[in-house]
C-alpha cells in the first residue's frame, strides 16, 4: 500500500509543476494572475513532496530513521 501512496503523492506533486511549465510556455508568468497561479502551484507541489519526504524518512530510506533507538542520558554514578 505504501508504494502506491508514494507514487500518487509524487504524481500529484508533479502535476502543478507541469502547470507552471505551461504558464512559462504561454508567456503569462509576468502577469499578476500568472505569478499568483505559480505561487499556489508551488505550494501544492511542495506539500505533496513534503509528504513523500516524510514517508521515505519514516521507512528509513532517507536520513535518520524513526526506528533508531534513543540514546540514554548519562547516569550520575559517581561512587
C-alpha atoms as a PDB file:
ATOM      1  CA  UNK A   1       0.000   0.000   0.000  1.00  0.00           C
ATOM      2  CA  UNK A   2       2.857   2.376   0.812  1.00  0.00           C
ATOM      3  CA  UNK A   3       4.428   2.367  -2.687  1.00  0.00           C
ATOM      4  CA  UNK A   4       1.053   3.228  -4.210  1.00  0.00           C
ATOM      5  CA  UNK A   5       0.621   6.216  -1.878  1.00  0.00           C
ATOM      6  CA  UNK A   6       4.144   7.395  -2.641  1.00  0.00           C
ATOM      7  CA  UNK A   7       3.515   7.166  -6.378  1.00  0.00           C
ATOM      8  CA  UNK A   8       0.233   9.060  -6.033  1.00  0.00           C
ATOM      9  CA  UNK A   9       1.919  11.772  -3.964  1.00  0.00           C
ATOM     10  CA  UNK A  10       4.746  12.069  -6.495  1.00  0.00           C
ATOM     11  CA  UNK A  11       2.267  12.286  -9.355  1.00  0.00           C
ATOM     12  CA  UNK A  12       0.169  14.902  -7.568  1.00  0.00           C
ATOM     13  CA  UNK A  13       3.362  16.846  -6.847  1.00  0.00           C
ATOM     14  CA  UNK A  14       4.458  16.805 -10.486  1.00  0.00           C
ATOM     15  CA  UNK A  15       1.140  17.952 -11.973  1.00  0.00           C
ATOM     16  CA  UNK A  16       1.400  21.502 -10.540  1.00  0.00           C
ATOM     17  CA  UNK A  17       4.996  21.715 -11.790  1.00  0.00           C
ATOM     18  CA  UNK A  18       3.714  20.887 -15.269  1.00  0.00           C
ATOM     19  CA  UNK A  19       1.170  23.692 -14.823  1.00  0.00           C
ATOM     20  CA  UNK A  20       3.974  26.110 -14.003  1.00  0.00           C
ATOM     21  CA  UNK A  21       5.767  24.922 -17.129  1.00  0.00           C
ATOM     22  CA  UNK A  22       2.648  25.665 -19.136  1.00  0.00           C
ATOM     23  CA  UNK A  23       2.432  29.166 -17.645  1.00  0.00           C
ATOM     24  CA  UNK A  24       6.043  29.788 -18.665  1.00  0.00           C
ATOM     25  CA  UNK A  25       5.481  28.433 -22.200  1.00  0.00           C
ATOM     26  CA  UNK A  26       2.410  30.590 -22.787  1.00  0.00           C
ATOM     27  CA  UNK A  27       4.249  33.668 -21.508  1.00  0.00           C
ATOM     28  CA  UNK A  28       1.778  34.624 -18.782  1.00  0.00           C
ATOM     29  CA  UNK A  29       4.307  34.307 -15.952  1.00  0.00           C
ATOM     30  CA  UNK A  30       4.827  38.068 -15.827  1.00  0.00           C
ATOM     31  CA  UNK A  31       1.147  38.849 -15.246  1.00  0.00           C
ATOM     32  CA  UNK A  32      -0.342  39.093 -11.773  1.00  0.00           C
ATOM     33  CA  UNK A  33      -2.524  36.046 -12.452  1.00  0.00           C
ATOM     34  CA  UNK A  34       0.456  34.033 -13.638  1.00  0.00           C
ATOM     35  CA  UNK A  35       2.516  34.940 -10.581  1.00  0.00           C
ATOM     36  CA  UNK A  36      -0.208  34.007  -8.122  1.00  0.00           C
ATOM     37  CA  UNK A  37      -1.020  30.817 -10.006  1.00  0.00           C
ATOM     38  CA  UNK A  38       2.645  29.852  -9.907  1.00  0.00           C
ATOM     39  CA  UNK A  39       2.874  30.511  -6.168  1.00  0.00           C
ATOM     40  CA  UNK A  40      -0.221  28.443  -5.480  1.00  0.00           C
ATOM     41  CA  UNK A  41       1.012  25.576  -7.646  1.00  0.00           C
ATOM     42  CA  UNK A  42       4.440  25.648  -5.982  1.00  0.00           C
ATOM     43  CA  UNK A  43       2.759  25.468  -2.570  1.00  0.00           C
ATOM     44  CA  UNK A  44       0.623  22.499  -3.586  1.00  0.00           C
ATOM     45  CA  UNK A  45       3.619  20.723  -5.095  1.00  0.00           C
ATOM     46  CA  UNK A  46       5.709  21.417  -2.001  1.00  0.00           C
ATOM     47  CA  UNK A  47       3.087  19.916   0.286  1.00  0.00           C
ATOM     48  CA  UNK A  48       2.935  16.692  -1.718  1.00  0.00           C
ATOM     49  CA  UNK A  49       6.723  16.394  -1.941  1.00  0.00           C
ATOM     50  CA  UNK A  50       6.995  17.057   1.804  1.00  0.00           C
ATOM     51  CA  UNK A  51       4.613  14.141   2.320  1.00  0.00           C
ATOM     52  CA  UNK A  52       6.847  11.956   0.127  1.00  0.00           C
ATOM     53  CA  UNK A  53       9.916  13.040   2.111  1.00  0.00           C
ATOM     54  CA  UNK A  54       8.278  12.255   5.455  1.00  0.00           C
ATOM     55  CA  UNK A  55       7.095   8.838   4.292  1.00  0.00           C
ATOM     56  CA  UNK A  56      10.522   7.905   2.942  1.00  0.00           C
ATOM     57  CA  UNK A  57      12.174   9.131   6.141  1.00  0.00           C
ATOM     58  CA  UNK A  58       9.755   7.150   8.311  1.00  0.00           C
ATOM     59  CA  UNK A  59      10.535   3.999   6.318  1.00  0.00           C
ATOM     60  CA  UNK A  60      14.260   4.544   6.888  1.00  0.00           C
ATOM     61  CA  UNK A  61      15.070   5.199   3.239  1.00  0.00           C
ATOM     62  CA  UNK A  62      16.232   8.787   3.835  1.00  0.00           C
ATOM     63  CA  UNK A  63      18.335  10.186   6.642  1.00  0.00           C
ATOM     64  CA  UNK A  64      17.638   9.202  10.213  1.00  0.00           C
ATOM     65  CA  UNK A  65      15.078   6.531  10.851  1.00  0.00           C
ATOM     66  CA  UNK A  66      12.350   6.766  13.456  1.00  0.00           C
ATOM     67  CA  UNK A  67      13.177   3.170  14.403  1.00  0.00           C
ATOM     68  CA  UNK A  68      16.629   4.080  15.750  1.00  0.00           C
ATOM     69  CA  UNK A  69      16.860   3.587  19.500  1.00  0.00           C
ATOM     70  CA  UNK A  70      17.011   6.756  21.509  1.00  0.00           C
ATOM     71  CA  UNK A  71      20.257   7.489  23.308  1.00  0.00           C
ATOM     72  CA  UNK A  72      20.016   7.110  27.041  1.00  0.00           C
ATOM     73  CA  UNK A  73      21.132  10.103  29.097  1.00  0.00           C
ATOM     74  CA  UNK A  74      24.265   9.550  31.125  1.00  0.00           C
ATOM     75  CA  UNK A  75      23.679   8.406  34.666  1.00  0.00           C
ATOM     76  CA  UNK A  76      25.274  10.137  37.621  1.00  0.00           C
ATOM     77  CA  UNK A  77      27.024   7.192  39.221  1.00  0.00           C
ATOM     78  CA  UNK A  78      29.975   8.781  40.983  1.00  0.00           C
ATOM     79  CA  UNK A  79      30.931   6.198  43.596  1.00  0.00           C
END
